[in-house]
Amino acid sequence: MVSLGWGFMLSACRKASNMVARPDKRALKAVLIDLSGTLHIDDTAVPGAQEALKKLRNASVTVKFVTNTTKESKRNLLERLHRLNFDVQENEIFTSLSAARSLIEQKNHRPLLLVEDSALEDFNGIDTSEPNAVVIGLAPEHFNYQTLNKAFSFSSLSILLRMILDGAPLIAIHKARYYKRKDGLALGPGPFVTGLEYATDRKASVVGKPEKTFFMQALSDLGCSPSEAVMIGDDARDDIGGAQNAGMLGILVRSGKYREGDENKISPPPHLTCDSFPDAVEHILQNLL
């Protein structure tokens, strides 16, 4: 009988231990990517984002784009991304408008839609006659101080106000506090939704980020669990906090609406905070695959 000896056995053990995945490694299958503020700001791409996306596509992961954008339809959003030379397909985009439509259909609601005209096509085919629910998105051209003042005017007998007070569901496509435009930060729908909640003493149902349901819907056709996915975004609460509460890793980028110290506003903190989308992609390629 041949004895292998302790030296050989120790060497074999060391080799075996080196094959064990590092603690920060995951069986990563999918990367969810925010759009506005992460890949682009209005009609300007984040520097290097297109090339970084190409590199990510060449890796062994599925890519999906998830956004709370409610100012425009999925078709308009896709056209904007193509003008910026992003390689994106329509079936890769999951929006909060999609999540809202899904809820409306499940509940058989006939919504009063407070969204931008450019977003209405995502609700084509939905019965809006004799509304029995109120759906609110970001509609800067319509949902402003003048509109709110009119809505709460006693003499106008606002349909909106009466509907909610009479028990119609109040559905917020999302409640983002603010978003980034080329000219700076602007109020999101969150403050307006909160104002309606306060005035009517009703609580809105939220369908977009940071809701766990939103992230689970986004992953549902990718064949992976939250533990096998990572989210990249510029919103600490809605993108990263929401994704991590759903069981994903979150990478916060210092672009778009990010402000210094945002990473300290959520618990647990982001898996990583980096300067931009290209840096997030490099981290994934070097450390998570």
Protein backbone atom coordinates (compact mmCIF):
# COMPACT_ATOMS: atom_id res chain seq x y z
CA MET A 1 0.00 0.00 0.00
CA VAL A 2 1.33 3.41 -0.96
CA SER A 3 1.22 6.16 1.66
CA LEU A 4 0.50 9.63 0.24
CA GLY A 5 2.04 11.41 3.22
CA TRP A 6 0.94 14.46 5.13
CA GLY A 7 2.68 16.85 2.76
CA PHE A 8 0.68 15.64 -0.23
CA MET A 9 -2.56 15.66 1.74
CA LEU A 10 -1.94 19.21 2.98
CA SER A 11 -1.23 20.37 -0.58
CA ALA A 12 -4.42 18.76 -1.84
CA CYS A 13 -6.44 20.44 0.89
CA ARG A 14 -4.97 23.82 -0.01
CA LYS A 15 -5.87 23.34 -3.68
CA ALA A 16 -9.40 22.32 -2.76
CA SER A 17 -9.84 25.33 -0.51
CA ASN A 18 -8.72 27.63 -3.33
CA MET A 19 -11.61 26.35 -5.46
CA VAL A 20 -14.23 27.59 -3.00
CA ALA A 21 -15.96 30.78 -4.21
CA ARG A 22 -14.99 33.97 -2.40
CA PRO A 23 -17.61 35.35 0.04
CA ASP A 24 -18.47 38.25 -2.30
CA LYS A 25 -19.06 35.96 -5.25
CA ARG A 26 -22.63 35.01 -6.19
CA ALA A 27 -24.15 32.81 -8.85
CA LEU A 28 -25.07 36.02 -10.64
CA LYS A 29 -27.60 35.55 -13.45
CA ALA A 30 -29.20 38.95 -13.96
CA VAL A 31 -28.42 42.66 -13.74
CA LEU A 32 -31.29 45.14 -13.37
CA ILE A 33 -30.42 48.64 -14.53
CA ASP A 34 -32.19 51.91 -13.80
CA LEU A 35 -32.45 54.28 -16.76
CA SER A 36 -32.91 57.99 -15.97
CA GLY A 37 -29.98 59.21 -13.90
CA THR A 38 -28.04 55.97 -14.37
CA LEU A 39 -27.69 55.49 -18.13
CA HIS A 40 -28.85 58.93 -19.21
CA ILE A 41 -30.18 62.30 -18.04
CA ASP A 42 -32.90 63.49 -20.41
CA ASP A 43 -31.25 63.36 -23.86
CA THR A 44 -27.66 63.06 -22.64
CA ALA A 45 -26.00 59.70 -22.02
CA VAL A 46 -23.78 59.14 -18.98
CA PRO A 47 -20.20 59.13 -20.35
CA GLY A 48 -19.06 55.64 -21.25
CA ALA A 49 -22.45 54.05 -20.53
CA GLN A 50 -23.02 52.62 -24.03
CA GLU A 51 -19.67 50.84 -24.10
CA ALA A 52 -20.12 49.57 -20.55
CA LEU A 53 -23.49 48.10 -21.50
CA LYS A 54 -21.87 46.28 -24.43
CA LYS A 55 -19.27 44.80 -22.10
CA LEU A 56 -21.96 43.65 -19.69
CA ARG A 57 -23.91 42.01 -22.52
CA ASN A 58 -20.81 40.01 -23.43
CA ALA A 59 -20.78 38.49 -19.94
CA SER A 60 -22.85 35.50 -18.89
CA VAL A 61 -25.72 37.52 -17.39
CA THR A 62 -29.17 38.64 -18.51
CA VAL A 63 -29.79 42.39 -18.58
CA LYS A 64 -33.11 44.09 -17.83
CA PHE A 65 -33.93 47.77 -17.55
CA VAL A 66 -36.28 48.86 -14.77
CA THR A 67 -37.57 52.38 -14.45
CA ASN A 68 -40.08 54.49 -12.55
CA THR A 69 -40.33 56.88 -15.49
CA THR A 70 -43.97 57.82 -16.03
CA LYS A 71 -43.51 60.91 -18.22
CA GLU A 72 -43.45 58.89 -21.42
CA SER A 73 -44.60 55.58 -22.85
CA LYS A 74 -42.32 52.58 -23.23
CA ARG A 75 -42.22 53.23 -26.99
CA ASN A 76 -41.09 56.84 -26.52
CA LEU A 77 -38.56 55.78 -23.93
CA LEU A 78 -37.14 53.15 -26.28
CA GLU A 79 -36.84 55.71 -29.06
CA ARG A 80 -34.94 58.03 -26.72
CA LEU A 81 -32.51 55.24 -25.78
CA HIS A 82 -31.94 54.35 -29.42
CA ARG A 83 -31.19 58.00 -30.25
CA LEU A 84 -28.52 57.83 -27.56
CA ASN A 85 -27.08 54.68 -29.19
CA PHE A 86 -28.03 52.26 -26.42
CA ASP A 87 -28.53 48.66 -27.49
CA VAL A 88 -31.90 48.03 -25.83
CA GLN A 89 -34.90 45.95 -26.92
CA GLU A 90 -38.47 46.78 -25.93
CA ASN A 91 -38.99 43.44 -24.15
CA GLU A 92 -36.01 44.23 -21.93
CA ILE A 93 -37.72 47.28 -20.39
CA PHE A 94 -39.99 46.96 -17.36
CA THR A 95 -41.62 50.20 -16.24
CA SER A 96 -43.78 51.27 -13.34
CA LEU A 97 -46.43 52.02 -15.97
CA SER A 98 -46.35 48.29 -16.83
CA ALA A 99 -46.76 47.42 -13.15
CA ALA A 100 -49.67 49.86 -12.82
CA ARG A 101 -51.43 48.41 -15.85
CA SER A 102 -50.99 44.90 -14.44
CA LEU A 103 -52.61 45.93 -11.14
CA ILE A 104 -55.47 47.72 -12.92
CA GLU A 105 -56.20 44.62 -14.97
CA GLN A 106 -55.99 42.30 -11.95
CA LYS A 107 -58.40 44.44 -9.93
CA ASN A 108 -60.71 45.30 -12.86
CA HIS A 109 -60.28 48.99 -12.11
CA ARG A 110 -61.52 51.71 -14.44
CA PRO A 111 -58.89 54.34 -13.70
CA LEU A 112 -58.89 58.10 -13.72
CA LEU A 113 -55.36 58.47 -15.15
CA LEU A 114 -53.31 61.44 -13.93
CA VAL A 115 -50.28 60.90 -16.17
CA GLU A 116 -48.63 62.77 -19.01
CA ASP A 117 -50.36 62.52 -22.38
CA SER A 118 -47.22 60.87 -23.76
CA ALA A 119 -47.66 57.99 -21.30
CA LEU A 120 -51.32 57.29 -22.00
CA GLU A 121 -50.63 54.84 -24.84
CA ASP A 122 -49.31 52.32 -22.30
CA PHE A 123 -52.90 52.11 -21.04
CA ASN A 124 -54.49 51.57 -24.45
CA GLY A 125 -57.42 49.16 -24.19
CA ILE A 126 -58.07 49.91 -20.52
CA ASP A 127 -61.67 50.92 -19.81
CA THR A 128 -61.62 54.42 -18.31
CA SER A 129 -65.36 55.08 -18.47
CA GLU A 130 -67.03 55.87 -15.14
CA PRO A 131 -63.73 55.68 -13.21
CA ASN A 132 -63.62 53.79 -9.93
CA ALA A 133 -59.92 54.27 -9.12
CA VAL A 134 -57.37 57.10 -9.23
CA VAL A 135 -53.94 56.44 -10.75
CA ILE A 136 -51.22 59.07 -10.33
CA GLY A 137 -47.87 59.29 -12.09
CA LEU A 138 -45.43 62.09 -12.84
CA ALA A 139 -47.32 64.62 -14.94
CA PRO A 140 -45.51 67.98 -14.72
CA GLU A 141 -47.73 69.58 -17.38
CA HIS A 142 -50.97 68.69 -15.62
CA PHE A 143 -50.34 67.87 -11.98
CA ASN A 144 -49.03 71.18 -10.70
CA TYR A 145 -50.05 73.77 -8.13
CA GLN A 146 -52.82 75.18 -10.32
CA THR A 147 -54.29 71.72 -10.90
CA LEU A 148 -54.09 70.84 -7.22
CA ASN A 149 -55.75 74.11 -6.27
CA LYS A 150 -58.56 73.43 -8.73
CA ALA A 151 -58.89 69.84 -7.57
CA PHE A 152 -59.42 70.93 -3.98
CA SER A 153 -61.67 73.85 -4.77
CA PHE A 154 -65.08 73.32 -3.12
CA SER A 155 -66.87 75.09 -5.98
CA SER A 156 -65.37 72.78 -8.61
CA LEU A 157 -66.67 69.62 -6.87
CA SER A 158 -63.54 67.88 -8.04
CA ILE A 159 -64.15 64.37 -9.36
CA LEU A 160 -60.73 63.42 -8.10
CA LEU A 161 -61.34 64.48 -4.53
CA ARG A 162 -64.83 63.04 -4.34
CA MET A 163 -63.73 59.70 -5.76
CA ILE A 164 -61.00 59.19 -3.16
CA LEU A 165 -63.17 60.37 -0.26
CA ASP A 166 -65.91 58.00 -1.43
CA GLY A 167 -63.50 55.07 -1.23
CA ALA A 168 -61.97 54.79 -4.69
CA PRO A 169 -58.46 53.27 -4.49
CA LEU A 170 -55.61 55.76 -4.78
CA ILE A 171 -52.79 54.17 -6.79
CA ALA A 172 -49.40 55.85 -7.02
CA ILE A 173 -47.30 54.62 -9.91
CA HIS A 174 -44.42 55.60 -7.67
CA LYS A 175 -43.65 58.11 -4.89
CA ALA A 176 -40.23 59.41 -5.84
CA ARG A 177 -39.39 62.62 -4.00
CA TYR A 178 -37.52 64.19 -6.91
CA TYR A 179 -35.76 63.35 -10.16
CA LYS A 180 -32.91 64.81 -12.20
CA ARG A 181 -33.43 66.97 -15.28
CA LYS A 182 -30.88 68.82 -17.37
CA ASP A 183 -31.72 72.03 -15.49
CA GLY A 184 -31.43 70.39 -12.05
CA LEU A 185 -33.66 68.53 -9.63
CA ALA A 186 -37.44 68.62 -9.96
CA LEU A 187 -40.25 67.36 -7.76
CA GLY A 188 -41.39 63.83 -8.42
CA PRO A 189 -44.96 62.59 -7.87
CA GLY A 190 -44.26 61.67 -4.24
CA PRO A 191 -45.03 65.11 -2.75
CA PHE A 192 -48.28 65.35 -4.73
CA VAL A 193 -49.38 61.84 -3.75
CA THR A 194 -48.55 62.59 -0.12
CA GLY A 195 -50.63 65.78 -0.35
CA LEU A 196 -53.61 63.80 -1.59
CA GLU A 197 -53.12 61.21 1.15
CA TYR A 198 -53.11 63.94 3.77
CA ALA A 199 -56.10 65.80 2.33
CA THR A 200 -58.27 62.68 1.93
CA ASP A 201 -56.96 60.66 4.89
CA ARG A 202 -56.39 57.75 2.51
CA LYS A 203 -53.22 55.70 1.92
CA ALA A 204 -52.02 55.19 -1.64
CA SER A 205 -50.99 51.81 -3.02
CA VAL A 206 -47.56 52.12 -4.66
CA VAL A 207 -46.70 49.87 -7.61
CA GLY A 208 -43.25 51.04 -8.76
CA LYS A 209 -39.86 51.01 -7.09
CA PRO A 210 -39.10 50.49 -4.19
CA GLU A 211 -41.93 47.96 -3.82
CA LYS A 212 -40.80 44.34 -3.55
CA THR A 213 -43.57 43.29 -5.92
CA PHE A 214 -42.10 45.51 -8.64
CA PHE A 215 -38.70 43.83 -8.44
CA MET A 216 -40.22 40.35 -8.32
CA GLN A 217 -42.27 41.12 -11.44
CA ALA A 218 -39.12 42.37 -13.20
CA LEU A 219 -37.33 39.11 -12.40
CA SER A 220 -40.27 36.83 -13.13
CA ASP A 221 -39.37 36.06 -16.74
CA LEU A 222 -35.60 35.89 -16.23
CA GLY A 223 -35.51 32.50 -14.54
CA CYS A 224 -33.58 33.64 -11.50
CA SER A 225 -34.16 34.43 -7.84
CA PRO A 226 -33.37 37.79 -6.17
CA SER A 227 -30.20 36.30 -4.66
CA GLU A 228 -28.94 35.78 -8.21
CA ALA A 229 -29.45 39.39 -9.30
CA VAL A 230 -27.93 42.83 -8.76
CA MET A 231 -29.50 46.27 -9.21
CA ILE A 232 -27.66 49.38 -10.45
CA GLY A 233 -29.26 52.78 -9.84
CA ASP A 234 -28.88 56.37 -8.69
CA ASP A 235 -31.68 56.41 -6.10
CA ALA A 236 -30.56 55.03 -2.74
CA ARG A 237 -34.07 54.41 -1.41
CA ASP A 238 -36.07 53.40 -4.47
CA ASP A 239 -33.43 51.59 -6.52
CA ILE A 240 -30.99 50.19 -3.99
CA GLY A 241 -33.03 49.97 -0.80
CA GLY A 242 -35.93 48.41 -2.68
CA ALA A 243 -33.76 45.88 -4.49
CA GLN A 244 -31.90 44.85 -1.34
CA ASN A 245 -35.14 44.49 0.60
CA ALA A 246 -36.21 42.10 -2.17
CA GLY A 247 -33.04 40.03 -1.65
CA MET A 248 -30.80 41.45 -4.37
CA LEU A 249 -27.45 43.20 -4.21
CA GLY A 250 -27.53 46.94 -4.86
CA ILE A 251 -24.91 49.16 -6.49
CA LEU A 252 -25.47 52.90 -6.05
CA VAL A 253 -23.99 55.27 -8.62
CA ARG A 254 -23.07 58.89 -7.93
CA SER A 255 -24.87 60.26 -10.98
CA GLY A 256 -28.38 61.56 -11.65
CA LYS A 257 -30.22 62.41 -8.43
CA TYR A 258 -27.47 61.10 -6.12
CA ARG A 259 -26.45 63.44 -3.32
CA GLU A 260 -23.50 63.09 -0.95
CA GLY A 261 -24.36 60.78 1.90
CA ASP A 262 -27.33 59.08 0.21
CA GLU A 263 -25.72 55.70 0.82
CA ASN A 264 -26.08 56.29 4.57
CA LYS A 265 -29.85 56.73 4.32
CA ILE A 266 -30.63 53.03 3.85
CA SER A 267 -29.97 49.94 5.93
CA PRO A 268 -28.27 47.74 5.01
CA PRO A 269 -26.03 50.11 3.03
CA PRO A 270 -25.41 49.47 -0.67
CA HIS A 271 -23.19 46.56 -1.64
CA LEU A 272 -21.12 49.21 -3.41
CA THR A 273 -21.24 52.95 -4.08
CA CYS A 274 -19.28 54.06 -7.14
CA ASP A 275 -19.00 57.05 -9.45
CA SER A 276 -20.93 55.86 -12.50
CA PHE A 277 -22.54 53.03 -14.43
CA PRO A 278 -19.26 52.05 -16.18
CA ASP A 279 -17.62 51.69 -12.75
CA ALA A 280 -20.51 49.51 -11.55
CA VAL A 281 -20.12 47.26 -14.60
CA GLU A 282 -16.37 46.91 -13.99
CA HIS A 283 -17.05 45.86 -10.40
CA ILE A 284 -19.54 43.23 -11.54
CA LEU A 285 -17.17 41.84 -14.17
CA GLN A 286 -14.21 41.76 -11.81
CA ASN A 287 -15.86 40.67 -8.57
CA LEU A 288 -19.31 39.16 -9.06
CA LEU A 289 -18.84 36.84 -12.05
